[in-house]
Amino acid sequence: MKSQKAKGTKGERELIKLFNETGSWMAIRSAGSGSSRYPSPDILAANAIRRVAIECKVTKEKKKYFTSSEIEQLQTFSRVFGAEGWIGVKLADEPWYFLMVEDLEETGVCKAVSVELAKRRGITIQELLSFSGRNRNI
């Protein structure tokens, strides 16, 4: 059985490859993300115009929960670094979806994303790679 950490690492590497193979984006994994005392997203990616910081989650479940700390760290890092903060999720038998923090469901204790919410409010990797940030359809 593959550990959750190994599954997450594999997912992050998959995204790095997708960004880097475009020829117009470069991306790196942030070493120690989630275990550092400093805020750090899982992935940093940029092109000549945009910088994105992505917190990634991979699960076999149909819903994924995010702690307040995970969200706060992504928002803090993104604000200080001057990057767009995104949540990247790969839920059960689904492709990657990317959501902004505001698009997550508020549960009262934490934030969450379900398959239905990801399909309704999220964008695909292809859309993220070409998203201008100005005319997002919701």
Protein backbone atom coordinates (compact mmCIF):
# COMPACT_ATOMS: atom_id res chain seq x y z
CA MET A 1 0.00 0.00 0.00
CA LYS A 2 1.40 3.36 -1.06
CA SER A 3 1.75 5.91 1.72
CA GLN A 4 -0.23 9.14 1.54
CA LYS A 5 3.06 11.08 1.43
CA ALA A 6 4.33 9.03 -1.53
CA LYS A 7 1.01 9.51 -3.33
CA GLY A 8 1.25 13.27 -2.76
CA THR A 9 4.86 13.39 -3.95
CA LYS A 10 3.95 11.48 -7.12
CA GLY A 11 1.08 13.91 -7.76
CA GLU A 12 3.33 16.93 -7.25
CA ARG A 13 5.92 15.50 -9.65
CA GLU A 14 3.16 14.92 -12.22
CA LEU A 15 2.18 18.61 -12.01
CA ILE A 16 5.81 19.78 -12.20
CA LYS A 17 6.20 17.79 -15.41
CA LEU A 18 2.99 19.25 -16.89
CA PHE A 19 4.13 22.82 -16.16
CA ASN A 20 7.70 22.33 -17.37
CA GLU A 21 6.71 20.53 -20.58
CA THR A 22 4.69 23.54 -21.78
CA GLY A 23 7.90 25.32 -22.72
CA SER A 24 6.56 28.59 -21.32
CA TRP A 25 6.28 27.67 -17.62
CA MET A 26 8.85 26.52 -15.09
CA ALA A 27 7.93 24.82 -11.81
CA ILE A 28 9.61 23.40 -8.73
CA ARG A 29 8.50 21.43 -5.66
CA SER A 30 9.02 23.21 -2.38
CA ALA A 31 11.20 21.01 -0.17
CA GLY A 32 9.69 20.45 3.25
CA SER A 33 6.36 22.07 2.46
CA GLY A 34 3.98 21.36 5.29
CA SER A 35 6.81 20.52 7.67
CA SER A 36 8.69 23.82 7.70
CA ARG A 37 8.10 26.46 10.32
CA TYR A 38 7.82 28.93 7.44
CA PRO A 39 4.84 29.01 5.09
CA SER A 40 5.65 27.13 1.89
CA PRO A 41 3.36 25.77 -0.81
CA ASP A 42 3.91 22.39 -2.44
CA ILE A 43 4.65 23.86 -5.89
CA LEU A 44 5.90 27.17 -7.22
CA ALA A 45 5.39 27.79 -10.91
CA ALA A 46 5.87 30.82 -13.11
CA ASN A 47 6.09 32.12 -16.62
CA ALA A 48 7.06 35.59 -17.87
CA ILE A 49 3.71 36.99 -16.68
CA ARG A 50 2.42 34.97 -13.71
CA ARG A 51 3.56 33.32 -10.49
CA VAL A 52 1.44 30.63 -8.85
CA ALA A 53 1.79 28.91 -5.48
CA ILE A 54 -0.09 25.62 -5.25
CA GLU A 55 -1.07 23.52 -2.25
CA CYS A 56 -1.62 20.01 -3.66
CA LYS A 57 -3.73 17.13 -2.35
CA VAL A 58 -4.19 13.66 -3.82
CA THR A 59 -6.81 11.29 -2.40
CA LYS A 60 -8.93 8.29 -3.33
CA GLU A 61 -11.82 9.96 -1.51
CA LYS A 62 -14.57 12.06 -3.10
CA LYS A 63 -13.92 14.95 -0.68
CA LYS A 64 -10.78 16.54 0.74
CA TYR A 65 -10.50 18.73 3.82
CA PHE A 66 -7.99 21.53 4.45
CA THR A 67 -6.99 22.77 7.87
CA SER A 68 -7.09 26.48 8.66
CA SER A 69 -3.31 26.35 9.02
CA GLU A 70 -2.81 24.97 5.48
CA ILE A 71 -5.01 27.70 4.04
CA GLU A 72 -3.44 30.49 6.10
CA GLN A 73 0.08 29.40 5.12
CA LEU A 74 -0.82 29.37 1.41
CA GLN A 75 -2.42 32.80 1.66
CA THR A 76 0.49 34.27 3.65
CA PHE A 77 3.12 32.88 1.29
CA SER A 78 1.20 33.97 -1.82
CA ARG A 79 0.68 37.50 -0.54
CA VAL A 80 4.33 38.03 0.48
CA PHE A 81 5.77 36.26 -2.58
CA GLY A 82 3.43 38.06 -4.99
CA ALA A 83 1.93 34.83 -6.33
CA GLU A 84 -1.58 33.61 -7.03
CA GLY A 85 -2.55 31.06 -4.39
CA TRP A 86 -4.25 27.92 -5.72
CA ILE A 87 -5.48 24.65 -4.25
CA GLY A 88 -4.75 21.69 -6.54
CA VAL A 89 -6.78 18.53 -5.90
CA LYS A 90 -6.82 15.13 -7.52
CA LEU A 91 -9.87 13.37 -6.11
CA ALA A 92 -11.09 9.79 -6.69
CA ASP A 93 -10.87 8.88 -10.39
CA GLU A 94 -10.80 12.55 -11.43
CA PRO A 95 -8.24 14.74 -13.20
CA TRP A 96 -6.51 17.61 -11.41
CA TYR A 97 -8.74 20.56 -10.51
CA PHE A 98 -7.53 23.94 -9.27
CA LEU A 99 -9.52 26.23 -7.03
CA MET A 100 -8.93 29.53 -5.33
CA VAL A 101 -9.34 29.54 -1.55
CA GLU A 102 -12.58 31.54 -1.87
CA ASP A 103 -14.07 28.68 -3.91
CA LEU A 104 -13.67 26.08 -1.15
CA GLU A 105 -16.62 25.00 0.97
CA GLU A 106 -16.63 26.40 4.50
CA THR A 107 -17.50 23.59 6.94
CA GLY A 108 -17.22 25.67 10.11
CA VAL A 109 -14.13 23.82 11.30
CA CYS A 110 -12.13 23.72 8.09
CA LYS A 111 -12.49 24.12 4.33
CA ALA A 112 -13.33 21.33 1.91
CA VAL A 113 -13.62 20.45 -1.74
CA SER A 114 -15.79 17.69 -3.18
CA VAL A 115 -15.81 16.25 -6.69
CA GLU A 116 -19.00 18.20 -7.41
CA LEU A 117 -17.52 21.48 -6.16
CA ALA A 118 -14.27 20.90 -8.06
CA LYS A 119 -16.20 20.34 -11.30
CA ARG A 120 -18.42 23.38 -10.70
CA ARG A 121 -15.92 25.93 -9.37
CA GLY A 122 -12.51 24.55 -10.32
CA ILE A 123 -10.45 24.80 -13.48
CA THR A 124 -8.32 22.16 -15.21
CA ILE A 125 -4.54 22.20 -15.59
CA GLN A 126 -4.96 23.36 -19.21
CA GLU A 127 -7.14 26.24 -18.04
CA LEU A 128 -4.69 27.16 -15.26
CA LEU A 129 -1.81 27.22 -17.73
CA SER A 130 -3.70 29.64 -19.99
CA PHE A 131 -5.83 31.50 -17.38
CA SER A 132 -5.33 35.27 -17.67
CA GLY A 133 -6.75 36.06 -14.23
CA ARG A 134 -9.20 38.59 -15.65
CA ASN A 135 -12.16 36.79 -17.14
CA ARG A 136 -12.82 33.72 -15.07
CA ASN A 137 -16.19 32.04 -15.73
CA ILE A 138 -17.88 30.85 -12.58
